[in-house]
Amino acid sequence: MSRTTVDLDPAVIRKLKVIGANGRESMSQVINRLLRNALKDRPARRQRDASIAWCIVEGGRPARGFDPSSREYLDLIENEQ
């Protein structure tokens, strides 16, 4: 099992200790169980085809203000699906 350092709010630590004491679990066991359950219940992100169908107009130019280096357009594409 790998180790990591995470800064936790003192109130969260107190609650984790209470949960652990009540269930006779170590703090590591409590944290792992809670995180595992939280991640299990989270819906899996749908895998999409990485390619984007571009509508290309011969001789066309990008819309005014379009910055190809910006990633903002990805939010628009994701919201359409």
N, C-alpha and C. Protein backbone atom coordinates (compact mmCIF):
# COMPACT_ATOMS: atom_id res chain seq x y z
N MET A 1 0.86 -1.16 0.00
CA MET A 1 0.00 0.00 0.00
C MET A 1 0.91 1.23 0.00
N SER A 2 0.62 2.19 -0.85
CA SER A 2 1.43 3.39 -0.90
C SER A 2 0.98 4.39 0.16
N ARG A 3 1.89 5.27 0.52
CA ARG A 3 1.61 6.28 1.53
C ARG A 3 1.56 7.64 0.86
N THR A 4 0.77 8.51 1.44
CA THR A 4 0.68 9.88 0.94
C THR A 4 0.41 10.81 2.12
N THR A 5 0.66 12.07 1.91
CA THR A 5 0.39 13.07 2.94
C THR A 5 -0.73 13.97 2.43
N VAL A 6 -1.77 14.09 3.23
CA VAL A 6 -2.91 14.93 2.87
C VAL A 6 -3.23 15.81 4.07
N ASP A 7 -3.40 17.09 3.82
CA ASP A 7 -3.80 18.00 4.89
C ASP A 7 -5.31 17.93 5.05
N LEU A 8 -5.76 17.58 6.25
CA LEU A 8 -7.19 17.48 6.53
C LEU A 8 -7.60 18.53 7.54
N ASP A 9 -8.82 18.96 7.41
CA ASP A 9 -9.40 19.90 8.37
C ASP A 9 -9.48 19.22 9.74
N PRO A 10 -9.14 19.93 10.81
CA PRO A 10 -9.20 19.33 12.15
C PRO A 10 -10.57 18.74 12.50
N ALA A 11 -11.65 19.38 12.06
CA ALA A 11 -12.98 18.85 12.34
C ALA A 11 -13.20 17.51 11.62
N VAL A 12 -12.65 17.39 10.42
CA VAL A 12 -12.76 16.13 9.68
C VAL A 12 -11.98 15.03 10.40
N ILE A 13 -10.79 15.37 10.89
CA ILE A 13 -9.98 14.39 11.61
C ILE A 13 -10.73 13.89 12.85
N ARG A 14 -11.35 14.80 13.58
CA ARG A 14 -12.10 14.39 14.77
C ARG A 14 -13.22 13.42 14.40
N LYS A 15 -13.96 13.74 13.33
CA LYS A 15 -15.05 12.85 12.91
C LYS A 15 -14.51 11.49 12.47
N LEU A 16 -13.39 11.48 11.75
CA LEU A 16 -12.80 10.22 11.32
C LEU A 16 -12.38 9.38 12.52
N LYS A 17 -11.84 10.03 13.53
CA LYS A 17 -11.43 9.30 14.75
C LYS A 17 -12.64 8.70 15.47
N VAL A 18 -13.73 9.44 15.51
CA VAL A 18 -14.96 8.93 16.15
C VAL A 18 -15.50 7.73 15.37
N ILE A 19 -15.55 7.88 14.05
CA ILE A 19 -16.03 6.78 13.21
C ILE A 19 -15.16 5.55 13.41
N GLY A 20 -13.84 5.75 13.43
CA GLY A 20 -12.91 4.64 13.62
C GLY A 20 -13.08 3.98 14.97
N ALA A 21 -13.24 4.79 16.02
CA ALA A 21 -13.40 4.24 17.37
C ALA A 21 -14.70 3.45 17.48
N ASN A 22 -15.76 3.99 16.90
CA ASN A 22 -17.05 3.29 16.95
C ASN A 22 -17.03 1.97 16.19
N GLY A 23 -16.30 1.95 15.09
CA GLY A 23 -16.25 0.73 14.27
C GLY A 23 -15.01 -0.11 14.51
N ARG A 24 -14.18 0.30 15.48
CA ARG A 24 -12.93 -0.40 15.77
C ARG A 24 -12.07 -0.55 14.54
N GLU A 25 -11.93 0.55 13.83
CA GLU A 25 -11.09 0.60 12.63
C GLU A 25 -10.02 1.67 12.83
N SER A 26 -8.90 1.49 12.13
CA SER A 26 -7.87 2.53 12.15
C SER A 26 -8.33 3.67 11.25
N MET A 27 -7.70 4.82 11.42
CA MET A 27 -8.06 5.97 10.59
C MET A 27 -7.82 5.64 9.12
N SER A 28 -6.74 4.93 8.82
CA SER A 28 -6.47 4.54 7.43
C SER A 28 -7.58 3.66 6.87
N GLN A 29 -8.06 2.74 7.67
CA GLN A 29 -9.15 1.86 7.21
C GLN A 29 -10.41 2.67 6.96
N VAL A 30 -10.71 3.60 7.86
CA VAL A 30 -11.91 4.43 7.70
C VAL A 30 -11.81 5.26 6.44
N ILE A 31 -10.67 5.94 6.25
CA ILE A 31 -10.50 6.81 5.09
C ILE A 31 -10.58 5.99 3.80
N ASN A 32 -9.89 4.84 3.76
CA ASN A 32 -9.93 4.01 2.55
C ASN A 32 -11.35 3.54 2.24
N ARG A 33 -12.07 3.11 3.28
CA ARG A 33 -13.44 2.63 3.06
C ARG A 33 -14.34 3.75 2.56
N LEU A 34 -14.25 4.92 3.19
CA LEU A 34 -15.11 6.04 2.77
C LEU A 34 -14.78 6.51 1.36
N LEU A 35 -13.49 6.61 1.04
CA LEU A 35 -13.11 7.03 -0.32
C LEU A 35 -13.51 5.98 -1.35
N ARG A 36 -13.31 4.70 -1.02
CA ARG A 36 -13.68 3.63 -1.96
C ARG A 36 -15.18 3.68 -2.26
N ASN A 37 -16.00 3.85 -1.22
CA ASN A 37 -17.45 3.92 -1.41
C ASN A 37 -17.85 5.17 -2.19
N ALA A 38 -17.21 6.29 -1.91
CA ALA A 38 -17.53 7.53 -2.63
C ALA A 38 -17.18 7.40 -4.10
N LEU A 39 -16.06 6.77 -4.41
CA LEU A 39 -15.65 6.63 -5.81
C LEU A 39 -16.48 5.57 -6.53
N LYS A 40 -16.92 4.56 -5.80
CA LYS A 40 -17.75 3.50 -6.40
C LYS A 40 -19.11 4.07 -6.83
N ASP A 41 -19.68 4.94 -6.02
CA ASP A 41 -21.00 5.49 -6.30
C ASP A 41 -20.98 6.58 -7.36
N ARG A 42 -19.79 7.07 -7.68
CA ARG A 42 -19.68 8.14 -8.68
C ARG A 42 -19.85 7.53 -10.06
N PRO A 43 -20.72 8.12 -10.89
CA PRO A 43 -20.90 7.56 -12.23
C PRO A 43 -19.62 7.67 -13.05
N ALA A 44 -19.32 6.61 -13.77
CA ALA A 44 -18.12 6.62 -14.60
C ALA A 44 -18.28 7.63 -15.73
N ARG A 45 -17.21 8.34 -16.01
CA ARG A 45 -17.26 9.32 -17.10
C ARG A 45 -17.26 8.57 -18.42
N ARG A 46 -18.18 8.96 -19.25
CA ARG A 46 -18.35 8.29 -20.53
C ARG A 46 -17.15 8.53 -21.43
N GLN A 47 -16.64 7.46 -22.00
CA GLN A 47 -15.53 7.58 -22.93
C GLN A 47 -16.07 8.00 -24.29
N ARG A 48 -15.47 9.05 -24.83
CA ARG A 48 -15.90 9.53 -26.14
C ARG A 48 -14.82 9.26 -27.17
N ASP A 49 -15.22 9.27 -28.39
CA ASP A 49 -14.26 9.20 -29.47
C ASP A 49 -13.43 10.47 -29.43
N ALA A 50 -12.13 10.32 -29.47
CA ALA A 50 -11.24 11.47 -29.32
C ALA A 50 -11.26 12.39 -30.55
N SER A 51 -11.71 11.87 -31.67
CA SER A 51 -11.70 12.71 -32.86
C SER A 51 -12.91 13.64 -32.88
N ILE A 52 -12.71 14.80 -33.45
CA ILE A 52 -13.78 15.79 -33.57
C ILE A 52 -14.08 15.96 -35.06
N ALA A 53 -15.34 15.89 -35.40
CA ALA A 53 -15.73 16.09 -36.80
C ALA A 53 -15.79 17.59 -37.07
N TRP A 54 -14.80 18.08 -37.77
CA TRP A 54 -14.73 19.51 -38.09
C TRP A 54 -15.48 19.78 -39.39
N CYS A 55 -16.29 20.80 -39.42
CA CYS A 55 -16.95 21.24 -40.64
C CYS A 55 -16.04 22.26 -41.29
N ILE A 56 -15.43 21.87 -42.39
CA ILE A 56 -14.44 22.72 -43.02
C ILE A 56 -15.04 23.32 -44.30
N VAL A 57 -14.90 24.61 -44.41
CA VAL A 57 -15.34 25.31 -45.60
C VAL A 57 -14.09 25.75 -46.33
N GLU A 58 -13.96 25.34 -47.56
CA GLU A 58 -12.77 25.69 -48.31
C GLU A 58 -12.63 27.21 -48.39
N GLY A 59 -11.47 27.69 -48.02
CA GLY A 59 -11.22 29.13 -48.04
C GLY A 59 -11.85 29.86 -46.85
N GLY A 60 -12.49 29.10 -45.96
CA GLY A 60 -13.14 29.72 -44.81
C GLY A 60 -12.13 30.19 -43.78
N ARG A 61 -12.56 31.08 -42.94
CA ARG A 61 -11.70 31.61 -41.89
C ARG A 61 -12.38 31.37 -40.54
N PRO A 62 -11.59 31.28 -39.47
CA PRO A 62 -12.18 31.11 -38.15
C PRO A 62 -13.05 32.31 -37.78
N ALA A 63 -14.03 32.06 -36.95
CA ALA A 63 -14.90 33.13 -36.49
C ALA A 63 -14.08 34.18 -35.76
N ARG A 64 -14.51 35.40 -35.85
CA ARG A 64 -13.82 36.50 -35.17
C ARG A 64 -13.76 36.21 -33.67
N GLY A 65 -12.59 36.37 -33.10
CA GLY A 65 -12.41 36.13 -31.68
C GLY A 65 -12.07 34.69 -31.32
N PHE A 66 -12.10 33.79 -32.31
CA PHE A 66 -11.78 32.38 -32.03
C PHE A 66 -10.29 32.23 -31.81
N ASP A 67 -9.91 31.65 -30.69
CA ASP A 67 -8.52 31.41 -30.36
C ASP A 67 -8.30 29.90 -30.31
N PRO A 68 -7.62 29.34 -31.30
CA PRO A 68 -7.45 27.89 -31.33
C PRO A 68 -6.64 27.35 -30.15
N SER A 69 -5.88 28.20 -29.48
CA SER A 69 -5.11 27.73 -28.33
C SER A 69 -5.97 27.66 -27.07
N SER A 70 -7.17 28.24 -27.10
CA SER A 70 -8.07 28.21 -25.95
C SER A 70 -8.79 26.87 -25.91
N ARG A 71 -9.03 26.36 -24.71
CA ARG A 71 -9.73 25.09 -24.56
C ARG A 71 -11.21 25.30 -24.21
N GLU A 72 -11.67 26.54 -24.22
CA GLU A 72 -13.05 26.84 -23.83
C GLU A 72 -14.08 26.16 -24.74
N TYR A 73 -13.73 25.97 -25.99
CA TYR A 73 -14.68 25.35 -26.92
C TYR A 73 -15.02 23.92 -26.52
N LEU A 74 -14.13 23.27 -25.76
CA LEU A 74 -14.42 21.90 -25.33
C LEU A 74 -15.63 21.86 -24.40
N ASP A 75 -15.82 22.91 -23.59
CA ASP A 75 -17.00 22.97 -22.73
C ASP A 75 -18.26 23.02 -23.59
N LEU A 76 -18.22 23.74 -24.68
CA LEU A 76 -19.40 23.83 -25.56
C LEU A 76 -19.68 22.48 -26.21
N ILE A 77 -18.63 21.80 -26.64
CA ILE A 77 -18.79 20.50 -27.29
C ILE A 77 -19.36 19.49 -26.29
N GLU A 78 -18.82 19.48 -25.07
CA GLU A 78 -19.28 18.51 -24.07
C GLU A 78 -20.73 18.74 -23.68
N ASN A 79 -21.16 20.01 -23.62
CA ASN A 79 -22.53 20.32 -23.23
C ASN A 79 -23.53 19.92 -24.30
N GLU A 80 -23.10 19.81 -25.56
CA GLU A 80 -24.00 19.41 -26.64
C GLU A 80 -24.29 17.92 -26.61
N GLN A 81 -23.44 17.13 -25.98
CA GLN A 81 -23.60 15.68 -26.01
C GLN A 81 -24.35 15.16 -24.83
